[in-house]
Amino acid sequence: MKRPSLQGLKQYARKCLGLERFLNHCGDGRRRPRKPAPTLLWALLAGQWLRQVSFFGIEQLVSDAGPRPLGLQTRFGDDALGYFTERLDPGPTRQALIDVVRRAKRNKAFENSRFIGLAIDGTTVGRCRESACDWCRPYRNAQQRIVGYRHHLAMISVVGAGISLPVDVEPYGPKDSEYAAGQRLLRRAVSALGPRFADYLVADAEYATSTFLHVTAELGVPVVARLKDNLPELAGKVKRRFESQPPQQVLQEGADRIEFWDEADFPPWETLQWERVRVLRYRQQRGDGTVVEAEWLTNLSQRKVSSLSLYRMARSRWEIENEGFNDCKSRQGLEHICHHHTNSLLLCWLLTLLALVIGRLYRIRFLHRGQHAPTSAIDLVRRLWLALTPTPRCRSA
C-alpha cells in the first residue's frame, strides 16, 4: 500500500482527477493579491484533510509545520484566508466537483453497482447568536422568542454506487425554502452532470409534490420519493389495498426478513401529470426484533427495476445523511463559521465537499490495493500528520 501524504494527495488530485488547472486558476477575484491563490486554496484543502478547519487553525498549522511540508509557497495569516474566500468565484469550485465526480464514473469507481443514484436533502449548519449575513435564519424557543440564528443549505450527492460523493450545495435564506433551493440545486447539478449520469433520484416526502416530480421528469431523471401523510389520498388507497393482502415477496437478507408489497397501477392525484403511480411498501424485521416499515412512490417501471432493487434505491437515501451530512459536520467542520460572509460561507462549504470527495476517492480507490481493507478516514488523518513529522537522522559516533 502506498504511503499517504499531502504531496501524494496533490499529485493524485492533479494527475488522476484532472484538477491541475483548478488548483492553479481557482477563480481568484482579489484585485491586488499579496499571497498566491494556489497557496491559499491548497491550505484550505489541506486543513480539511488534517481536520484543522478554522482559518486560525490553518494559520497555526502553517506556522508550526512550515509551508514546505504542506506543499505551500509562503506563510500567511487567517485574515488572508478571509479576504481570499470573500472574493473567490464559486463557479470554478463547483465545476471542479462536477469534473471529479464525472471522472470517477469514467474511471469505473462505481463499476460494482448496477444503478447510480442521486439523493437530495436539506440540513442546518453554522449557528450564531446575532444575524450577520443575508443567509442567517432565526430560530425560536418554545415561547417563540428568537434565541439565535443559523444557516440552511440543500445538498445533492451520488448514492447507491458503493461510494458516496457529495456534488453541490445550495444555501437558502429567510425568504427562501429548502423546497425552492432543492429545485435550483437539482436543475444545476443534473445539467452539469448530464441527464444520463444517474439512473434515479431519491428524496424524502417533502419533495413528493407535483411541481418537484414534474421537474424531475423535465430533467429526465426517474424519481423515488417517500410516501407519507402529506399525500393523504394516495396514502389512504395504498393502506387499504396493501393491508388487505399478504406480502407479494419475502426475502432473507442476512439476519433481516424483508416483506414487499409492490403495485404500479395507483391513479395519480389531481395535479400530478403521471399516467400511473408505482408504490412499494417494505416491512423489514431485523434480527434484534425491531420492525421498520416505509412506503415509496416512483415512476420506475416494474419491468426495469425489481422490488428488491427499488428497495435498495430507497434505502440509499440514508447515505446523504450518514456519509454526507454526518461526515461533513462531525469530521470536516461543515457547521463551523470560519468567516461570516455569504461568499466565504459558500466557498467553505464547497471546499469541504471537494476535500471530502478527493480524500474519499484517494482513500478507497487509490490507496486500496490487494485484499486488505480500505484505509479508514481517521487512519488517513493520522498518516497525513505522521508524514509531516520530519524523519530523525542517525548520527555516527
Protein backbone atom coordinates (compact mmCIF):
# COMPACT_ATOMS: atom_id res chain seq x y z
CA MET A 1 0.00 0.00 0.00
CA LYS A 2 1.25 3.46 -0.87
CA ARG A 3 2.14 5.79 1.99
CA PRO A 4 -0.39 8.65 2.08
CA SER A 5 0.90 12.21 2.27
CA LEU A 6 -0.22 15.70 1.32
CA GLN A 7 2.20 15.66 -1.59
CA GLY A 8 0.68 12.37 -2.73
CA LEU A 9 -2.78 13.87 -2.41
CA LYS A 10 -1.73 16.83 -4.53
CA GLN A 11 -0.32 14.56 -7.25
CA TYR A 12 -3.46 12.44 -7.14
CA ALA A 13 -5.71 15.50 -7.44
CA ARG A 14 -3.64 16.94 -10.29
CA LYS A 15 -2.97 13.86 -12.38
CA CYS A 16 -5.63 11.27 -11.59
CA LEU A 17 -8.55 13.64 -11.01
CA GLY A 18 -7.51 16.29 -13.56
CA LEU A 19 -7.61 19.23 -11.14
CA GLU A 20 -4.30 20.84 -12.07
CA ARG A 21 -5.95 23.74 -13.87
CA PHE A 22 -8.34 24.36 -10.99
CA LEU A 23 -5.57 24.28 -8.39
CA ASN A 24 -3.67 26.91 -10.38
CA HIS A 25 -6.64 29.00 -11.56
CA CYS A 26 -9.42 28.75 -8.97
CA GLY A 27 -11.30 31.99 -9.74
CA ASP A 28 -9.41 34.43 -7.53
CA GLY A 29 -11.22 37.78 -7.52
CA ARG A 30 -8.72 39.84 -5.49
CA ARG A 31 -7.51 42.96 -7.29
CA ARG A 32 -4.05 43.20 -5.75
CA PRO A 33 -3.24 39.80 -4.23
CA ARG A 34 -0.21 39.62 -1.97
CA LYS A 35 -0.41 35.88 -1.35
CA PRO A 36 -0.69 33.49 -4.32
CA ALA A 37 -4.14 31.97 -4.78
CA PRO A 38 -2.86 28.37 -5.27
CA THR A 39 -1.17 28.55 -1.86
CA LEU A 40 -4.30 29.73 -0.06
CA LEU A 41 -6.54 27.25 -1.89
CA TRP A 42 -4.29 24.30 -1.11
CA ALA A 43 -4.03 25.41 2.52
CA LEU A 44 -7.83 25.31 2.82
CA LEU A 45 -7.95 21.81 1.32
CA ALA A 46 -5.04 20.57 3.43
CA GLY A 47 -6.72 21.95 6.54
CA GLN A 48 -9.77 19.84 5.73
CA TRP A 49 -7.74 16.64 5.38
CA LEU A 50 -5.85 17.35 8.59
CA ARG A 51 -9.10 18.40 10.32
CA GLN A 52 -7.91 21.91 11.04
CA VAL A 53 -10.93 23.68 9.60
CA SER A 54 -10.79 27.13 11.20
CA PHE A 55 -8.78 29.86 9.48
CA PHE A 56 -6.83 30.45 12.69
CA GLY A 57 -6.10 26.71 12.97
CA ILE A 58 -4.75 26.68 9.40
CA GLU A 59 -2.57 29.71 10.15
CA GLN A 60 -1.12 27.98 13.22
CA LEU A 61 -0.60 24.77 11.26
CA VAL A 62 1.44 26.60 8.63
CA SER A 63 3.36 28.45 11.33
CA ASP A 64 4.24 25.25 13.23
CA ALA A 65 4.91 22.85 10.37
CA GLY A 66 6.26 25.40 7.89
CA PRO A 67 4.93 25.94 4.37
CA ARG A 68 7.17 23.42 2.57
CA PRO A 69 5.91 20.20 4.24
CA LEU A 70 2.36 21.31 3.46
CA GLY A 71 3.16 21.98 -0.18
CA LEU A 72 2.79 25.77 0.18
CA GLN A 73 4.91 28.63 -1.09
CA THR A 74 4.69 31.06 1.81
CA ARG A 75 3.19 31.79 5.22
CA PHE A 76 0.03 33.83 5.72
CA GLY A 77 -2.48 34.91 8.35
CA ASP A 78 -6.08 33.94 8.92
CA ASP A 79 -7.23 37.34 7.65
CA ALA A 80 -5.70 36.50 4.25
CA LEU A 81 -7.94 33.42 4.05
CA GLY A 82 -11.00 35.51 4.94
CA TYR A 83 -10.19 38.11 2.27
CA PHE A 84 -9.44 35.35 -0.25
CA THR A 85 -12.73 33.44 0.27
CA GLU A 86 -14.76 36.66 0.18
CA ARG A 87 -13.61 37.27 -3.39
CA LEU A 88 -13.24 33.72 -4.69
CA ASP A 89 -15.64 32.87 -7.52
CA PRO A 90 -17.65 29.73 -6.53
CA GLY A 91 -18.10 28.71 -10.18
CA PRO A 92 -14.70 27.00 -10.66
CA THR A 93 -15.04 25.12 -7.36
CA ARG A 94 -18.50 23.88 -8.33
CA GLN A 95 -17.14 22.82 -11.71
CA ALA A 96 -14.22 21.04 -10.05
CA LEU A 97 -16.67 18.96 -8.00
CA ILE A 98 -18.62 18.07 -11.13
CA ASP A 99 -15.44 17.18 -13.02
CA VAL A 100 -14.17 14.92 -10.23
CA VAL A 101 -17.48 13.04 -9.94
CA ARG A 102 -17.76 12.57 -13.71
CA ARG A 103 -14.14 11.40 -13.92
CA ALA A 104 -14.79 8.96 -11.07
CA LYS A 105 -17.56 7.42 -13.15
CA ARG A 106 -15.32 7.23 -16.24
CA ASN A 107 -12.61 5.60 -14.13
CA LYS A 108 -15.16 2.94 -13.09
CA ALA A 109 -15.32 3.93 -9.43
CA PHE A 110 -18.98 2.83 -9.50
CA GLU A 111 -18.49 -0.35 -11.55
CA ASN A 112 -19.76 -2.66 -8.80
CA SER A 113 -23.19 -1.00 -8.75
CA ARG A 114 -25.94 -1.62 -11.26
CA PHE A 115 -27.69 1.68 -10.58
CA ILE A 116 -26.18 5.09 -9.80
CA GLY A 117 -28.41 7.40 -7.80
CA LEU A 118 -28.60 10.99 -6.67
CA ALA A 119 -30.01 11.99 -3.28
CA ILE A 120 -31.15 15.48 -2.31
CA ASP A 121 -31.88 16.79 1.17
CA GLY A 122 -31.51 19.84 3.41
CA THR A 123 -29.73 20.47 6.69
CA THR A 124 -28.82 23.14 9.25
CA VAL A 125 -25.27 24.50 9.61
CA GLY A 126 -23.43 27.49 11.09
CA ARG A 127 -25.23 28.68 14.24
CA CYS A 128 -24.62 32.15 15.62
CA ARG A 129 -26.15 34.49 18.22
CA GLU A 130 -26.68 37.51 16.00
CA SER A 131 -27.64 37.95 12.38
CA ALA A 132 -24.57 38.89 10.35
CA CYS A 133 -25.45 37.98 6.74
CA ASP A 134 -28.39 37.59 4.38
CA TRP A 135 -28.50 33.82 4.91
CA CYS A 136 -28.99 33.96 8.69
CA ARG A 137 -32.34 32.42 9.60
CA PRO A 138 -33.76 32.95 13.11
CA TYR A 139 -34.67 30.01 15.30
CA ARG A 140 -37.03 30.28 18.24
CA ASN A 141 -37.59 28.59 21.58
CA ALA A 142 -40.85 27.15 22.90
CA GLN A 143 -42.08 30.67 23.70
CA GLN A 144 -41.42 31.73 20.07
CA ARG A 145 -38.63 34.06 21.11
CA ILE A 146 -35.61 34.36 18.82
CA VAL A 147 -32.67 32.74 20.61
CA GLY A 148 -30.17 32.74 17.76
CA TYR A 149 -29.59 32.36 14.05
CA ARG A 150 -28.45 29.56 11.79
CA HIS A 151 -27.84 28.77 8.15
CA HIS A 152 -29.55 26.21 5.94
CA LEU A 153 -28.47 24.51 2.75
CA ALA A 154 -29.62 21.78 0.39
CA MET A 155 -27.12 19.15 -0.74
CA ILE A 156 -27.10 16.69 -3.63
CA SER A 157 -24.91 13.60 -3.53
CA VAL A 158 -24.12 10.46 -5.52
CA VAL A 159 -25.58 7.46 -3.65
CA GLY A 160 -26.18 3.78 -4.19
CA ALA A 161 -22.92 3.37 -6.11
CA GLY A 162 -20.65 1.87 -3.46
CA ILE A 163 -19.05 5.21 -2.60
CA SER A 164 -20.98 8.37 -1.69
CA LEU A 165 -19.72 11.58 -3.29
CA PRO A 166 -21.35 14.96 -2.49
CA VAL A 167 -21.74 17.04 -5.64
CA ASP A 168 -23.04 20.51 -4.78
CA VAL A 169 -24.86 22.66 -2.21
CA GLU A 170 -27.40 25.45 -2.46
CA PRO A 171 -27.95 27.80 0.52
CA TYR A 172 -31.29 29.41 1.29
CA GLY A 173 -32.07 32.43 3.39
CA PRO A 174 -35.00 33.77 5.46
CA LYS A 175 -37.33 34.32 2.48
CA ASP A 176 -36.32 31.10 0.76
CA SER A 177 -37.07 27.43 1.47
CA GLU A 178 -35.48 24.00 1.18
CA TYR A 179 -38.07 23.11 -1.44
CA ALA A 180 -37.13 26.02 -3.73
CA ALA A 181 -33.40 25.65 -3.09
CA GLY A 182 -33.65 21.93 -3.85
CA GLN A 183 -35.19 22.60 -7.25
CA ARG A 184 -32.46 25.12 -8.14
CA LEU A 185 -29.82 22.68 -6.98
CA LEU A 186 -31.31 19.76 -8.90
CA ARG A 187 -31.53 21.71 -12.16
CA ARG A 188 -27.92 22.92 -11.87
CA ALA A 189 -26.48 19.53 -10.87
CA VAL A 190 -28.29 17.45 -13.49
CA SER A 191 -27.46 20.00 -16.19
CA ALA A 192 -23.77 19.82 -15.23
CA LEU A 193 -23.57 16.04 -14.74
CA GLY A 194 -25.68 15.21 -17.78
CA PRO A 195 -29.11 13.54 -17.90
CA ARG A 196 -27.61 10.05 -18.31
CA PHE A 197 -25.24 10.23 -15.36
CA ALA A 198 -27.74 8.97 -12.76
CA ASP A 199 -30.36 6.24 -13.01
CA TYR A 200 -32.64 7.69 -10.33
CA LEU A 201 -33.15 10.46 -7.79
CA VAL A 202 -34.17 9.61 -4.23
CA ALA A 203 -35.75 12.17 -1.90
CA ASP A 204 -37.77 12.50 1.29
CA ALA A 205 -41.53 13.07 1.46
CA GLU A 206 -41.12 16.85 1.44
CA TYR A 207 -40.15 16.62 -2.24
CA ALA A 208 -43.09 14.36 -3.16
CA THR A 209 -45.09 17.19 -4.75
CA SER A 210 -46.41 17.59 -8.26
CA THR A 211 -44.13 20.52 -9.03
CA PHE A 212 -40.96 18.76 -7.96
CA LEU A 213 -41.90 15.48 -9.65
CA HIS A 214 -42.59 17.38 -12.88
CA VAL A 215 -39.15 18.99 -12.63
CA THR A 216 -37.51 15.55 -12.39
CA ALA A 217 -39.50 14.39 -15.44
CA GLU A 218 -38.41 17.51 -17.32
CA LEU A 219 -34.78 16.73 -16.48
CA GLY A 220 -35.17 13.09 -17.49
CA VAL A 221 -34.34 11.56 -14.10
CA PRO A 222 -36.69 8.92 -12.61
CA VAL A 223 -37.59 9.65 -9.00
CA VAL A 224 -38.04 7.56 -5.85
CA ALA A 225 -39.78 9.60 -3.12
CA ARG A 226 -41.02 8.74 0.35
CA LEU A 227 -44.80 8.47 0.68
CA LYS A 228 -46.24 9.86 3.90
CA ASP A 229 -49.42 11.58 5.08
CA ASN A 230 -48.64 14.71 3.05
CA LEU A 231 -50.41 12.86 0.21
CA PRO A 232 -53.49 11.62 2.12
CA GLU A 233 -55.48 10.46 -0.91
CA LEU A 234 -52.74 8.20 -2.31
CA ALA A 235 -51.60 7.10 1.15
CA GLY A 236 -55.16 6.03 2.00
CA LYS A 237 -55.53 3.96 -1.15
CA VAL A 238 -52.17 2.27 -0.57
CA LYS A 239 -53.05 1.46 3.02
CA ARG A 240 -56.44 -0.04 2.15
CA ARG A 241 -55.03 -2.20 -0.64
CA PHE A 242 -51.83 -3.47 0.97
CA GLU A 243 -53.32 -4.19 4.39
CA SER A 244 -55.90 -6.48 2.82
CA GLN A 245 -53.35 -8.78 1.16
CA PRO A 246 -50.29 -10.77 2.22
CA PRO A 247 -46.80 -9.70 1.08
CA GLN A 248 -46.08 -10.43 -2.56
CA GLN A 249 -42.44 -11.31 -1.91
CA VAL A 250 -40.41 -12.28 1.14
CA LEU A 251 -36.61 -12.23 1.20
CA GLN A 252 -33.99 -13.02 3.80
CA GLU A 253 -31.05 -10.58 3.78
CA GLY A 254 -28.58 -11.58 6.47
CA ALA A 255 -30.44 -11.61 9.77
CA ASP A 256 -33.25 -9.43 8.37
CA ARG A 257 -36.54 -10.64 6.94
CA ILE A 258 -37.98 -8.26 4.32
CA GLU A 259 -41.55 -8.33 3.05
CA PHE A 260 -42.57 -6.48 -0.12
CA TRP A 261 -45.82 -5.10 -1.49
CA ASP A 262 -45.36 -3.58 -4.94
CA GLU A 263 -48.11 -2.26 -7.22
CA ALA A 264 -47.78 0.02 -10.26
CA ASP A 265 -51.41 0.90 -11.04
CA PHE A 266 -52.31 3.56 -8.47
CA PRO A 267 -54.05 6.62 -10.00
CA PRO A 268 -52.14 9.90 -9.67
CA TRP A 269 -53.56 12.73 -7.60
CA GLU A 270 -55.26 15.60 -9.35
CA THR A 271 -52.23 17.82 -10.08
CA LEU A 272 -49.74 15.05 -10.96
CA GLN A 273 -49.26 14.53 -14.68
CA TRP A 274 -48.35 10.84 -14.49
CA GLU A 275 -50.35 8.05 -16.07
CA ARG A 276 -49.92 5.76 -13.06
CA VAL A 277 -48.01 5.73 -9.79
CA ARG A 278 -45.98 2.76 -8.59
CA VAL A 279 -45.83 2.30 -4.81
CA LEU A 280 -43.53 -0.01 -2.89
CA ARG A 281 -44.12 -0.91 0.75
CA TYR A 282 -41.47 -2.86 2.63
CA ARG A 283 -41.50 -4.24 6.14
CA GLN A 284 -38.05 -5.06 7.48
CA GLN A 285 -37.89 -7.31 10.52
CA ARG A 286 -34.39 -7.00 11.94
CA GLY A 287 -32.51 -9.62 13.88
CA ASP A 288 -32.93 -7.68 17.13
CA GLY A 289 -36.72 -7.75 16.80
CA THR A 290 -37.29 -4.18 15.60
CA VAL A 291 -39.56 -3.60 12.62
CA VAL A 292 -39.09 -0.84 10.03
CA GLU A 293 -41.89 -0.12 7.56
CA ALA A 294 -41.96 2.52 4.83
CA GLU A 295 -43.73 3.33 1.56
CA TRP A 296 -42.16 4.89 -1.53
CA LEU A 297 -43.63 6.15 -4.79
CA THR A 298 -41.83 6.13 -8.14
CA ASN A 299 -42.25 6.34 -11.89
CA LEU A 300 -39.78 3.49 -12.48
CA SER A 301 -41.43 0.53 -14.17
CA GLN A 302 -41.56 -2.95 -12.63
CA ARG A 303 -40.13 -4.35 -15.84
CA LYS A 304 -36.89 -2.38 -15.48
CA VAL A 305 -36.50 -2.30 -11.70
CA SER A 306 -37.44 -5.17 -9.39
CA SER A 307 -38.89 -4.75 -5.91
CA LEU A 308 -35.54 -5.57 -4.31
CA SER A 309 -33.69 -3.05 -6.49
CA LEU A 310 -36.29 -0.39 -5.73
CA TYR A 311 -35.94 -1.17 -2.02
CA ARG A 312 -32.19 -0.64 -2.24
CA MET A 313 -32.69 2.62 -4.14
CA ALA A 314 -34.99 3.85 -1.40
CA ARG A 315 -32.56 2.81 1.32
CA SER A 316 -29.73 4.68 -0.41
CA ARG A 317 -31.34 7.95 0.72
CA TRP A 318 -29.72 7.45 4.12
CA GLU A 319 -26.28 7.77 2.55
CA ILE A 320 -26.68 11.53 2.22
CA GLU A 321 -27.46 11.63 5.95
CA ASN A 322 -24.77 9.27 7.22
CA GLU A 323 -21.94 9.75 4.71
CA GLY A 324 -22.84 13.28 3.66
CA PHE A 325 -24.16 15.49 6.44
CA ASN A 326 -22.83 13.46 9.39
CA ASP A 327 -19.29 13.13 8.00
CA CYS A 328 -19.15 16.76 6.88
CA LYS A 329 -20.35 18.02 10.25
CA SER A 330 -18.55 15.70 12.67
CA ARG A 331 -15.27 15.30 10.75
CA GLN A 332 -14.94 18.16 8.27
CA GLY A 333 -16.29 21.08 10.29
CA LEU A 334 -19.20 21.97 8.00
CA GLU A 335 -21.01 23.67 10.88
CA HIS A 336 -18.08 25.92 11.77
CA ILE A 337 -18.27 29.53 10.58
CA CYS A 338 -14.75 30.49 9.53
CA HIS A 339 -15.66 33.94 8.22
CA HIS A 340 -19.21 35.31 8.41
CA HIS A 341 -19.64 36.50 4.83
CA THR A 342 -22.04 34.91 2.33
CA ASN A 343 -19.45 34.19 -0.37
CA SER A 344 -16.94 32.99 2.20
CA LEU A 345 -19.55 30.66 3.74
CA LEU A 346 -20.45 29.23 0.34
CA LEU A 347 -16.81 28.67 -0.63
CA CYS A 348 -16.03 26.97 2.67
CA TRP A 349 -18.99 24.63 2.17
CA LEU A 350 -17.98 23.82 -1.41
CA LEU A 351 -14.33 23.27 -0.48
CA THR A 352 -15.46 20.99 2.35
CA LEU A 353 -17.28 18.84 -0.20
CA LEU A 354 -14.34 18.92 -2.60
CA ALA A 355 -11.88 17.87 0.10
CA LEU A 356 -14.22 15.10 1.21
CA VAL A 357 -14.62 13.77 -2.35
CA ILE A 358 -10.88 13.88 -3.13
CA GLY A 359 -9.99 12.30 0.21
CA ARG A 360 -12.62 9.59 -0.13
CA LEU A 361 -11.53 8.61 -3.65
CA TYR A 362 -7.87 8.74 -2.64
CA ARG A 363 -8.50 6.54 0.39
CA ILE A 364 -10.94 4.00 -1.06
CA ARG A 365 -9.98 3.81 -4.74
CA PHE A 366 -6.30 4.85 -4.95
CA LEU A 367 -4.71 3.58 -1.73
CA HIS A 368 -6.75 0.39 -1.69
CA ARG A 369 -4.83 -2.39 -3.41
CA GLY A 370 -4.98 -6.15 -2.99
CA GLN A 371 -7.20 -7.94 -0.48
CA HIS A 372 -6.70 -5.73 2.58
CA ALA A 373 -9.47 -3.48 3.86
CA PRO A 374 -9.56 0.16 2.71
CA THR A 375 -7.84 2.73 4.90
CA SER A 376 -10.28 4.26 7.38
CA ALA A 377 -10.87 8.01 7.45
CA ILE A 378 -9.21 8.52 10.84
CA ASP A 379 -6.23 6.34 9.83
CA LEU A 380 -5.69 8.55 6.79
CA VAL A 381 -5.68 11.63 9.04
CA ARG A 382 -3.08 10.03 11.32
CA ARG A 383 -0.87 9.04 8.39
CA LEU A 384 -1.04 12.55 6.90
CA TRP A 385 0.03 14.02 10.24
CA LEU A 386 2.87 11.48 10.53
CA ALA A 387 4.05 12.40 7.03
CA LEU A 388 4.50 15.99 8.24
CA THR A 389 6.86 14.86 11.02
CA PRO A 390 10.50 15.03 9.92
CA THR A 391 12.31 11.70 9.99
CA PRO A 392 15.13 11.73 12.58
CA ARG A 393 18.58 11.12 11.23
CA CYS A 394 21.08 8.86 12.99
CA ARG A 395 24.47 10.46 13.58
CA SER A 396 27.61 8.36 13.57
CA ALA A 397 29.65 8.32 16.80
